[in-house]
Amino acid sequence: MEEADRGITRSYDCASVIDIPTALSAGSIEHLGVDSQQEVIIYHRAILILTTTEGDLDAAEAIEIELWEPPLNDSTHDPVAVIETLVAELREVTDTALDRN
């Protein structure tokens, strides 16, 4: 990945309310709360910022995920694929649809 891959974002609407910290923990995904609306996520050696755009982290109705730091020393990952893989895992652990908006 290149420097230009930083800052790529994707927004999603949650079909039902999601407790983001609980979902990340259920998926064994490393995360750190910043405030009531942001989590820093380490996923596949990448650093992402998840921000709720509707609701709080414990009751998210819509989210935005930004690739803040691409995986180190790995030029094979597509930056959008990193975000989409994380979203797919969130869908699986929450059994909730996340539709891109």
PDB file of N, CA and C in Angstrom:
ATOM      1  N   MET A   1       0.829  -1.177   0.000  1.00  0.00           N
ATOM      2  CA  MET A   1       0.000   0.000   0.000  1.00  0.00           C
ATOM      3  C   MET A   1       0.872   1.238   0.000  1.00  0.00           C
ATOM      4  N   GLU A   2       0.327   2.260  -0.540  1.00  0.00           N
ATOM      5  CA  GLU A   2       1.059   3.503  -0.633  1.00  0.00           C
ATOM      6  C   GLU A   2       0.479   4.531   0.320  1.00  0.00           C
ATOM      7  N   GLU A   3       1.216   5.622   0.485  1.00  0.00           N
ATOM      8  CA  GLU A   3       0.770   6.720   1.348  1.00  0.00           C
ATOM      9  C   GLU A   3      -0.632   7.187   0.970  1.00  0.00           C
ATOM     10  N   ALA A   4      -0.949   7.168  -0.322  1.00  0.00           N
ATOM     11  CA  ALA A   4      -2.258   7.633  -0.805  1.00  0.00           C
ATOM     12  C   ALA A   4      -3.407   6.762  -0.311  1.00  0.00           C
ATOM     13  N   ASP A   5      -3.105   5.546   0.153  1.00  0.00           N
ATOM     14  CA  ASP A   5      -4.153   4.648   0.638  1.00  0.00           C
ATOM     15  C   ASP A   5      -4.704   5.077   1.994  1.00  0.00           C
ATOM     16  N   ARG A   6      -3.995   5.920   2.703  1.00  0.00           N
ATOM     17  CA  ARG A   6      -4.478   6.409   3.999  1.00  0.00           C
ATOM     18  C   ARG A   6      -5.678   7.313   3.799  1.00  0.00           C
ATOM     19  N   GLY A   7      -6.560   7.283   4.760  1.00  0.00           N
ATOM     20  CA  GLY A   7      -7.700   8.191   4.727  1.00  0.00           C
ATOM     21  C   GLY A   7      -8.885   7.707   3.913  1.00  0.00           C
ATOM     22  N   ILE A   8      -8.798   6.531   3.327  1.00  0.00           N
ATOM     23  CA  ILE A   8      -9.933   5.985   2.586  1.00  0.00           C
ATOM     24  C   ILE A   8     -11.025   5.637   3.592  1.00  0.00           C
ATOM     25  N   THR A   9     -12.247   6.075   3.318  1.00  0.00           N
ATOM     26  CA  THR A   9     -13.355   5.820   4.237  1.00  0.00           C
ATOM     27  C   THR A   9     -14.515   5.138   3.522  1.00  0.00           C
ATOM     28  N   ARG A  10     -15.288   4.419   4.306  1.00  0.00           N
ATOM     29  CA  ARG A  10     -16.525   3.810   3.842  1.00  0.00           C
ATOM     30  C   ARG A  10     -17.557   4.001   4.945  1.00  0.00           C
ATOM     31  N   SER A  11     -18.786   4.317   4.550  1.00  0.00           N
ATOM     32  CA  SER A  11     -19.880   4.528   5.498  1.00  0.00           C
ATOM     33  C   SER A  11     -20.922   3.435   5.335  1.00  0.00           C
ATOM     34  N   TYR A  12     -21.508   3.029   6.470  1.00  0.00           N
ATOM     35  CA  TYR A  12     -22.479   1.936   6.472  1.00  0.00           C
ATOM     36  C   TYR A  12     -23.641   2.262   7.400  1.00  0.00           C
ATOM     37  N   ASP A  13     -24.834   1.841   7.000  1.00  0.00           N
ATOM     38  CA  ASP A  13     -26.016   1.890   7.851  1.00  0.00           C
ATOM     39  C   ASP A  13     -26.206   0.508   8.459  1.00  0.00           C
ATOM     40  N   CYS A  14     -26.519   0.459   9.744  1.00  0.00           N
ATOM     41  CA  CYS A  14     -26.742  -0.800  10.444  1.00  0.00           C
ATOM     42  C   CYS A  14     -28.231  -1.134  10.390  1.00  0.00           C
ATOM     43  N   ALA A  15     -28.558  -2.355   9.988  1.00  0.00           N
ATOM     44  CA  ALA A  15     -29.962  -2.768   9.909  1.00  0.00           C
ATOM     45  C   ALA A  15     -30.610  -2.795  11.290  1.00  0.00           C
ATOM     46  N   SER A  16     -29.816  -3.082  12.309  1.00  0.00           N
ATOM     47  CA  SER A  16     -30.275  -2.984  13.694  1.00  0.00           C
ATOM     48  C   SER A  16     -29.121  -2.411  14.512  1.00  0.00           C
ATOM     49  N   VAL A  17     -29.430  -1.955  15.694  1.00  0.00           N
ATOM     50  CA  VAL A  17     -28.428  -1.314  16.543  1.00  0.00           C
ATOM     51  C   VAL A  17     -27.320  -2.308  16.895  1.00  0.00           C
ATOM     52  N   ILE A  18     -26.065  -1.845  16.834  1.00  0.00           N
ATOM     53  CA  ILE A  18     -24.910  -2.698  17.131  1.00  0.00           C
ATOM     54  C   ILE A  18     -24.120  -2.099  18.290  1.00  0.00           C
ATOM     55  N   ASP A  19     -23.726  -2.953  19.225  1.00  0.00           N
ATOM     56  CA  ASP A  19     -22.790  -2.575  20.281  1.00  0.00           C
ATOM     57  C   ASP A  19     -21.395  -2.861  19.713  1.00  0.00           C
ATOM     58  N   ILE A  20     -20.738  -1.826  19.223  1.00  0.00           N
ATOM     59  CA  ILE A  20     -19.470  -1.984  18.508  1.00  0.00           C
ATOM     60  C   ILE A  20     -18.380  -2.618  19.377  1.00  0.00           C
ATOM     61  N   PRO A  21     -18.105  -2.129  20.594  1.00  0.00           N
ATOM     62  CA  PRO A  21     -17.054  -2.771  21.393  1.00  0.00           C
ATOM     63  C   PRO A  21     -17.318  -4.255  21.654  1.00  0.00           C
ATOM     64  N   THR A  22     -18.568  -4.604  21.920  1.00  0.00           N
ATOM     65  CA  THR A  22     -18.914  -6.006  22.150  1.00  0.00           C
ATOM     66  C   THR A  22     -18.700  -6.830  20.887  1.00  0.00           C
ATOM     67  N   ALA A  23     -19.090  -6.293  19.736  1.00  0.00           N
ATOM     68  CA  ALA A  23     -18.914  -7.001  18.465  1.00  0.00           C
ATOM     69  C   ALA A  23     -17.435  -7.200  18.150  1.00  0.00           C
ATOM     70  N   LEU A  24     -16.628  -6.176  18.364  1.00  0.00           N
ATOM     71  CA  LEU A  24     -15.190  -6.299  18.104  1.00  0.00           C
ATOM     72  C   LEU A  24     -14.561  -7.331  19.027  1.00  0.00           C
ATOM     73  N   SER A  25     -14.936  -7.311  20.287  1.00  0.00           N
ATOM     74  CA  SER A  25     -14.418  -8.304  21.235  1.00  0.00           C
ATOM     75  C   SER A  25     -14.846  -9.711  20.849  1.00  0.00           C
ATOM     76  N   ALA A  26     -16.094  -9.868  20.411  1.00  0.00           N
ATOM     77  CA  ALA A  26     -16.593 -11.184  19.994  1.00  0.00           C
ATOM     78  C   ALA A  26     -15.817 -11.716  18.796  1.00  0.00           C
ATOM     79  N   GLY A  27     -15.344 -10.821  17.947  1.00  0.00           N
ATOM     80  CA  GLY A  27     -14.549 -11.218  16.789  1.00  0.00           C
ATOM     81  C   GLY A  27     -13.060 -11.271  17.071  1.00  0.00           C
ATOM     82  N   SER A  28     -12.670 -11.123  18.344  1.00  0.00           N
ATOM     83  CA  SER A  28     -11.257 -11.096  18.753  1.00  0.00           C
ATOM     84  C   SER A  28     -10.462 -10.055  17.971  1.00  0.00           C
ATOM     85  N   ILE A  29     -11.079  -8.904  17.770  1.00  0.00           N
ATOM     86  CA  ILE A  29     -10.452  -7.801  17.045  1.00  0.00           C
ATOM     87  C   ILE A  29      -9.967  -6.781  18.071  1.00  0.00           C
ATOM     88  N   GLU A  30      -8.679  -6.437  17.989  1.00  0.00           N
ATOM     89  CA  GLU A  30      -8.109  -5.472  18.924  1.00  0.00           C
ATOM     90  C   GLU A  30      -8.720  -4.097  18.700  1.00  0.00           C
ATOM     91  N   HIS A  31      -9.074  -3.438  19.802  1.00  0.00           N
ATOM     92  CA  HIS A  31      -9.686  -2.113  19.685  1.00  0.00           C
ATOM     93  C   HIS A  31      -9.462  -1.320  20.958  1.00  0.00           C
ATOM     94  N   LEU A  32      -9.536  -0.007  20.814  1.00  0.00           N
ATOM     95  CA  LEU A  32      -9.364   0.898  21.934  1.00  0.00           C
ATOM     96  C   LEU A  32     -10.345   2.042  21.783  1.00  0.00           C
ATOM     97  N   GLY A  33     -11.161   2.260  22.784  1.00  0.00           N
ATOM     98  CA  GLY A  33     -12.122   3.354  22.745  1.00  0.00           C
ATOM     99  C   GLY A  33     -11.430   4.700  22.865  1.00  0.00           C
ATOM    100  N   VAL A  34     -11.848   5.640  22.039  1.00  0.00           N
ATOM    101  CA  VAL A  34     -11.324   7.003  22.084  1.00  0.00           C
ATOM    102  C   VAL A  34     -12.300   7.877  22.863  1.00  0.00           C
ATOM    103  N   ASP A  35     -13.572   7.778  22.505  1.00  0.00           N
ATOM    104  CA  ASP A  35     -14.645   8.487  23.196  1.00  0.00           C
ATOM    105  C   ASP A  35     -15.936   7.720  22.933  1.00  0.00           C
ATOM    106  N   SER A  36     -17.078   8.340  23.164  1.00  0.00           N
ATOM    107  CA  SER A  36     -18.345   7.612  23.024  1.00  0.00           C
ATOM    108  C   SER A  36     -18.716   7.324  21.573  1.00  0.00           C
ATOM    109  N   GLN A  37     -17.957   7.887  20.624  1.00  0.00           N
ATOM    110  CA  GLN A  37     -18.295   7.682  19.219  1.00  0.00           C
ATOM    111  C   GLN A  37     -17.145   7.162  18.360  1.00  0.00           C
ATOM    112  N   GLN A  38     -15.966   6.928  18.946  1.00  0.00           N
ATOM    113  CA  GLN A  38     -14.831   6.463  18.143  1.00  0.00           C
ATOM    114  C   GLN A  38     -14.091   5.313  18.801  1.00  0.00           C
ATOM    115  N   GLU A  39     -13.658   4.389  17.955  1.00  0.00           N
ATOM    116  CA  GLU A  39     -12.795   3.281  18.349  1.00  0.00           C
ATOM    117  C   GLU A  39     -11.615   3.247  17.396  1.00  0.00           C
ATOM    118  N   VAL A  40     -10.436   2.987  17.924  1.00  0.00           N
ATOM    119  CA  VAL A  40      -9.269   2.681  17.105  1.00  0.00           C
ATOM    120  C   VAL A  40      -9.230   1.163  17.010  1.00  0.00           C
ATOM    121  N   ILE A  41      -9.076   0.650  15.797  1.00  0.00           N
ATOM    122  CA  ILE A  41      -9.105  -0.791  15.562  1.00  0.00           C
ATOM    123  C   ILE A  41      -7.808  -1.218  14.892  1.00  0.00           C
ATOM    124  N   ILE A  42      -7.212  -2.287  15.403  1.00  0.00           N
ATOM    125  CA  ILE A  42      -6.061  -2.900  14.744  1.00  0.00           C
ATOM    126  C   ILE A  42      -6.580  -4.185  14.124  1.00  0.00           C
ATOM    127  N   TYR A  43      -6.487  -4.246  12.801  1.00  0.00           N
ATOM    128  CA  TYR A  43      -7.079  -5.366  12.070  1.00  0.00           C
ATOM    129  C   TYR A  43      -6.185  -5.715  10.889  1.00  0.00           C
ATOM    130  N   HIS A  44      -5.727  -6.944  10.851  1.00  0.00           N
ATOM    131  CA  HIS A  44      -4.840  -7.412   9.781  1.00  0.00           C
ATOM    132  C   HIS A  44      -3.647  -6.474   9.616  1.00  0.00           C
ATOM    133  N   ARG A  45      -3.079  -6.067  10.753  1.00  0.00           N
ATOM    134  CA  ARG A  45      -1.900  -5.202  10.801  1.00  0.00           C
ATOM    135  C   ARG A  45      -2.156  -3.806  10.257  1.00  0.00           C
ATOM    136  N   ALA A  46      -3.408  -3.446  10.093  1.00  0.00           N
ATOM    137  CA  ALA A  46      -3.783  -2.088   9.684  1.00  0.00           C
ATOM    138  C   ALA A  46      -4.412  -1.395  10.888  1.00  0.00           C
ATOM    139  N   ILE A  47      -4.383  -0.074  10.875  1.00  0.00           N
ATOM    140  CA  ILE A  47      -5.045   0.703  11.916  1.00  0.00           C
ATOM    141  C   ILE A  47      -6.202   1.447  11.267  1.00  0.00           C
ATOM    142  N   LEU A  48      -7.379   1.254  11.839  1.00  0.00           N
ATOM    143  CA  LEU A  48      -8.585   1.889  11.321  1.00  0.00           C
ATOM    144  C   LEU A  48      -9.249   2.694  12.425  1.00  0.00           C
ATOM    145  N   ILE A  49      -9.997   3.710  12.026  1.00  0.00           N
ATOM    146  CA  ILE A  49     -10.783   4.504  12.959  1.00  0.00           C
ATOM    147  C   ILE A  49     -12.251   4.274  12.616  1.00  0.00           C
ATOM    148  N   LEU A  50     -13.013   3.763  13.574  1.00  0.00           N
ATOM    149  CA  LEU A  50     -14.448   3.581  13.396  1.00  0.00           C
ATOM    150  C   LEU A  50     -15.144   4.695  14.170  1.00  0.00           C
ATOM    151  N   THR A  51     -15.999   5.426  13.474  1.00  0.00           N
ATOM    152  CA  THR A  51     -16.756   6.517  14.075  1.00  0.00           C
ATOM    153  C   THR A  51     -18.237   6.259  13.861  1.00  0.00           C
ATOM    154  N   THR A  52     -19.022   6.389  14.915  1.00  0.00           N
ATOM    155  CA  THR A  52     -20.469   6.281  14.738  1.00  0.00           C
ATOM    156  C   THR A  52     -20.972   7.613  14.192  1.00  0.00           C
ATOM    157  N   THR A  53     -21.788   7.543  13.154  1.00  0.00           N
ATOM    158  CA  THR A  53     -22.381   8.759  12.590  1.00  0.00           C
ATOM    159  C   THR A  53     -23.830   8.912  13.044  1.00  0.00           C
ATOM    160  N   GLU A  54     -24.385   7.829  13.567  1.00  0.00           N
ATOM    161  CA  GLU A  54     -25.703   7.849  14.227  1.00  0.00           C
ATOM    162  C   GLU A  54     -25.614   6.913  15.419  1.00  0.00           C
ATOM    163  N   GLY A  55     -25.902   7.446  16.598  1.00  0.00           N
ATOM    164  CA  GLY A  55     -25.811   6.655  17.817  1.00  0.00           C
ATOM    165  C   GLY A  55     -24.413   6.694  18.408  1.00  0.00           C
ATOM    166  N   ASP A  56     -24.262   6.005  19.531  1.00  0.00           N
ATOM    167  CA  ASP A  56     -22.969   5.876  20.198  1.00  0.00           C
ATOM    168  C   ASP A  56     -22.397   4.498  19.917  1.00  0.00           C
ATOM    169  N   LEU A  57     -21.185   4.258  20.395  1.00  0.00           N
ATOM    170  CA  LEU A  57     -20.541   2.971  20.153  1.00  0.00           C
ATOM    171  C   LEU A  57     -21.344   1.798  20.700  1.00  0.00           C
ATOM    172  N   ASP A  58     -22.037   1.997  21.798  1.00  0.00           N
ATOM    173  CA  ASP A  58     -22.799   0.884  22.372  1.00  0.00           C
ATOM    174  C   ASP A  58     -24.187   0.731  21.761  1.00  0.00           C
ATOM    175  N   ALA A  59     -24.548   1.629  20.841  1.00  0.00           N
ATOM    176  CA  ALA A  59     -25.847   1.547  20.155  1.00  0.00           C
ATOM    177  C   ALA A  59     -25.733   2.230  18.791  1.00  0.00           C
ATOM    178  N   ALA A  60     -24.841   1.700  17.968  1.00  0.00           N
ATOM    179  CA  ALA A  60     -24.568   2.317  16.666  1.00  0.00           C
ATOM    180  C   ALA A  60     -25.664   1.993  15.656  1.00  0.00           C
ATOM    181  N   GLU A  61     -26.107   3.028  14.961  1.00  0.00           N
ATOM    182  CA  GLU A  61     -27.091   2.872  13.889  1.00  0.00           C
ATOM    183  C   GLU A  61     -26.460   3.103  12.519  1.00  0.00           C
ATOM    184  N   ALA A  62     -25.358   3.849  12.485  1.00  0.00           N
ATOM    185  CA  ALA A  62     -24.603   4.093  11.258  1.00  0.00           C
ATOM    186  C   ALA A  62     -23.152   4.341  11.654  1.00  0.00           C
ATOM    187  N   ILE A  63     -22.221   3.863  10.813  1.00  0.00           N
ATOM    188  CA  ILE A  63     -20.801   3.991  11.124  1.00  0.00           C
ATOM    189  C   ILE A  63     -20.014   4.439   9.898  1.00  0.00           C
ATOM    190  N   GLU A  64     -18.849   4.989  10.177  1.00  0.00           N
ATOM    191  CA  GLU A  64     -17.880   5.303   9.129  1.00  0.00           C
ATOM    192  C   GLU A  64     -16.560   4.676   9.560  1.00  0.00           C
ATOM    193  N   ILE A  65     -15.895   4.010   8.631  1.00  0.00           N
ATOM    194  CA  ILE A  65     -14.612   3.382   8.928  1.00  0.00           C
ATOM    195  C   ILE A  65     -13.563   4.000   8.015  1.00  0.00           C
ATOM    196  N   GLU A  66     -12.483   4.469   8.634  1.00  0.00           N
ATOM    197  CA  GLU A  66     -11.385   5.086   7.890  1.00  0.00           C
ATOM    198  C   GLU A  66     -10.126   4.242   8.044  1.00  0.00           C
ATOM    199  N   LEU A  67      -9.460   3.978   6.929  1.00  0.00           N
ATOM    200  CA  LEU A  67      -8.157   3.321   6.979  1.00  0.00           C
ATOM    201  C   LEU A  67      -7.142   4.395   7.346  1.00  0.00           C
ATOM    202  N   TRP A  68      -6.690   4.355   8.582  1.00  0.00           N
ATOM    203  CA  TRP A  68      -5.792   5.382   9.084  1.00  0.00           C
ATOM    204  C   TRP A  68      -4.347   5.045   8.773  1.00  0.00           C
ATOM    205  N   GLU A  69      -3.989   3.767   8.907  1.00  0.00           N
ATOM    206  CA  GLU A  69      -2.628   3.304   8.625  1.00  0.00           C
ATOM    207  C   GLU A  69      -2.725   1.945   7.948  1.00  0.00           C
ATOM    208  N   PRO A  70      -2.254   1.842   6.700  1.00  0.00           N
ATOM    209  CA  PRO A  70      -2.319   0.559   5.996  1.00  0.00           C
ATOM    210  C   PRO A  70      -1.447  -0.496   6.678  1.00  0.00           C
ATOM    211  N   PRO A  71      -1.670  -1.769   6.366  1.00  0.00           N
ATOM    212  CA  PRO A  71      -0.817  -2.820   6.935  1.00  0.00           C
ATOM    213  C   PRO A  71       0.646  -2.552   6.579  1.00  0.00           C
ATOM    214  N   LEU A  72       1.509  -2.651   7.571  1.00  0.00           N
ATOM    215  CA  LEU A  72       2.929  -2.420   7.338  1.00  0.00           C
ATOM    216  C   LEU A  72       3.530  -3.523   6.480  1.00  0.00           C
ATOM    217  N   ASN A  73       4.415  -3.133   5.604  1.00  0.00           N
ATOM    218  CA  ASN A  73       5.178  -4.079   4.778  1.00  0.00           C
ATOM    219  C   ASN A  73       4.298  -5.057   4.017  1.00  0.00           C
ATOM    220  N   ASP A  74       3.140  -4.607   3.580  1.00  0.00           N
ATOM    221  CA  ASP A  74       2.245  -5.494   2.835  1.00  0.00           C
ATOM    222  C   ASP A  74       1.612  -4.720   1.688  1.00  0.00           C
ATOM    223  N   SER A  75       2.169  -4.874   0.526  1.00  0.00           N
ATOM    224  CA  SER A  75       1.674  -4.143  -0.641  1.00  0.00           C
ATOM    225  C   SER A  75       0.573  -4.906  -1.369  1.00  0.00           C
ATOM    226  N   THR A  76       0.190  -6.083  -0.858  1.00  0.00           N
ATOM    227  CA  THR A  76      -0.795  -6.902  -1.562  1.00  0.00           C
ATOM    228  C   THR A  76      -2.234  -6.591  -1.170  1.00  0.00           C
ATOM    229  N   HIS A  77      -2.439  -5.921  -0.055  1.00  0.00           N
ATOM    230  CA  HIS A  77      -3.803  -5.627   0.391  1.00  0.00           C
ATOM    231  C   HIS A  77      -4.354  -4.393  -0.299  1.00  0.00           C
ATOM    232  N   ASP A  78      -5.536  -4.522  -0.837  1.00  0.00           N
ATOM    233  CA  ASP A  78      -6.281  -3.388  -1.369  1.00  0.00           C
ATOM    234  C   ASP A  78      -6.863  -2.651  -0.162  1.00  0.00           C
ATOM    235  N   PRO A  79      -6.678  -1.328  -0.063  1.00  0.00           N
ATOM    236  CA  PRO A  79      -7.167  -0.613   1.116  1.00  0.00           C
ATOM    237  C   PRO A  79      -8.668  -0.757   1.341  1.00  0.00           C
ATOM    238  N   VAL A  80      -9.438  -0.760   0.281  1.00  0.00           N
ATOM    239  CA  VAL A  80     -10.886  -0.931   0.418  1.00  0.00           C
ATOM    240  C   VAL A  80     -11.195  -2.340   0.921  1.00  0.00           C
ATOM    241  N   ALA A  81     -10.431  -3.325   0.476  1.00  0.00           N
ATOM    242  CA  ALA A  81     -10.651  -4.708   0.906  1.00  0.00           C
ATOM    243  C   ALA A  81     -10.416  -4.870   2.405  1.00  0.00           C
ATOM    244  N   VAL A  82      -9.464  -4.125   2.963  1.00  0.00           N
ATOM    245  CA  VAL A  82      -9.224  -4.196   4.408  1.00  0.00           C
ATOM    246  C   VAL A  82     -10.486  -3.767   5.155  1.00  0.00           C
ATOM    247  N   ILE A  83     -11.080  -2.660   4.724  1.00  0.00           N
ATOM    248  CA  ILE A  83     -12.311  -2.168   5.360  1.00  0.00           C
ATOM    249  C   ILE A  83     -13.448  -3.159   5.150  1.00  0.00           C
ATOM    250  N   GLU A  84     -13.611  -3.640   3.929  1.00  0.00           N
ATOM    251  CA  GLU A  84     -14.718  -4.548   3.626  1.00  0.00           C
ATOM    252  C   GLU A  84     -14.595  -5.876   4.360  1.00  0.00           C
ATOM    253  N   THR A  85     -13.378  -6.347   4.568  1.00  0.00           N
ATOM    254  CA  THR A  85     -13.176  -7.584   5.320  1.00  0.00           C
ATOM    255  C   THR A  85     -13.558  -7.389   6.782  1.00  0.00           C
ATOM    256  N   LEU A  86     -13.200  -6.245   7.343  1.00  0.00           N
ATOM    257  CA  LEU A  86     -13.608  -5.924   8.712  1.00  0.00           C
ATOM    258  C   LEU A  86     -15.129  -5.861   8.814  1.00  0.00           C
ATOM    259  N   VAL A  87     -15.769  -5.208   7.865  1.00  0.00           N
ATOM    260  CA  VAL A  87     -17.232  -5.090   7.870  1.00  0.00           C
ATOM    261  C   VAL A  87     -17.879  -6.470   7.749  1.00  0.00           C
ATOM    262  N   ALA A  88     -17.327  -7.326   6.908  1.00  0.00           N
ATOM    263  CA  ALA A  88     -17.861  -8.684   6.770  1.00  0.00           C
ATOM    264  C   ALA A  88     -17.775  -9.433   8.098  1.00  0.00           C
ATOM    265  N   GLU A  89     -16.686  -9.229   8.820  1.00  0.00           N
ATOM    266  CA  GLU A  89     -16.551  -9.887  10.117  1.00  0.00           C
ATOM    267  C   GLU A  89     -17.548  -9.318  11.128  1.00  0.00           C
ATOM    268  N   LEU A  90     -17.766  -8.010  11.095  1.00  0.00           N
ATOM    269  CA  LEU A  90     -18.775  -7.411  11.976  1.00  0.00           C
ATOM    270  C   LEU A  90     -20.166  -7.948  11.652  1.00  0.00           C
ATOM    271  N   ARG A  91     -20.457  -8.104  10.362  1.00  0.00           N
ATOM    272  CA  ARG A  91     -21.751  -8.687   9.968  1.00  0.00           C
ATOM    273  C   ARG A  91     -21.912 -10.081  10.558  1.00  0.00           C
ATOM    274  N   GLU A  92     -20.842 -10.858  10.480  1.00  0.00           N
ATOM    275  CA  GLU A  92     -20.903 -12.242  10.942  1.00  0.00           C
ATOM    276  C   GLU A  92     -21.109 -12.332  12.452  1.00  0.00           C
ATOM    277  N   VAL A  93     -20.358 -11.551  13.222  1.00  0.00           N
ATOM    278  CA  VAL A  93     -20.466 -11.673  14.682  1.00  0.00           C
ATOM    279  C   VAL A  93     -21.736 -11.035  15.232  1.00  0.00           C
ATOM    280  N   THR A  94     -22.321 -10.087  14.502  1.00  0.00           N
ATOM    281  CA  THR A  94     -23.541  -9.429  14.989  1.00  0.00           C
ATOM    282  C   THR A  94     -24.804  -9.968  14.339  1.00  0.00           C
ATOM    283  N   ASP A  95     -24.643 -10.712  13.260  1.00  0.00           N
ATOM    284  CA  ASP A  95     -25.778 -11.199  12.475  1.00  0.00           C
ATOM    285  C   ASP A  95     -26.686 -10.034  12.073  1.00  0.00           C
ATOM    286  N   THR A  96     -26.044  -8.926  11.704  1.00  0.00           N
ATOM    287  CA  THR A  96     -26.750  -7.706  11.316  1.00  0.00           C
ATOM    288  C   THR A  96     -26.232  -7.225   9.970  1.00  0.00           C
ATOM    289  N   ALA A  97     -27.128  -6.818   9.116  1.00  0.00           N
ATOM    290  CA  ALA A  97     -26.721  -6.271   7.820  1.00  0.00           C
ATOM    291  C   ALA A  97     -26.105  -4.891   8.018  1.00  0.00           C
ATOM    292  N   LEU A  98     -25.016  -4.659   7.313  1.00  0.00           N
ATOM    293  CA  LEU A  98     -24.375  -3.347   7.263  1.00  0.00           C
ATOM    294  C   LEU A  98     -24.356  -2.953   5.799  1.00  0.00           C
ATOM    295  N   ASP A  99     -25.181  -1.987   5.445  1.00  0.00           N
ATOM    296  CA  ASP A  99     -25.320  -1.582   4.048  1.00  0.00           C
ATOM    297  C   ASP A  99     -24.525  -0.318   3.791  1.00  0.00           C
ATOM    298  N   ARG A 100     -23.712  -0.359   2.753  1.00  0.00           N
ATOM    299  CA  ARG A 100     -22.890   0.802   2.413  1.00  0.00           C
ATOM    300  C   ARG A 100     -23.780   1.939   1.935  1.00  0.00           C
ATOM    301  N   ASN A 101     -23.499   3.128   2.407  1.00  0.00           N
ATOM    302  CA  ASN A 101     -24.269   4.286   1.950  1.00  0.00           C
ATOM    303  C   ASN A 101     -23.377   5.303   1.278  1.00  0.00           C
TER     304      ASN A 101
END
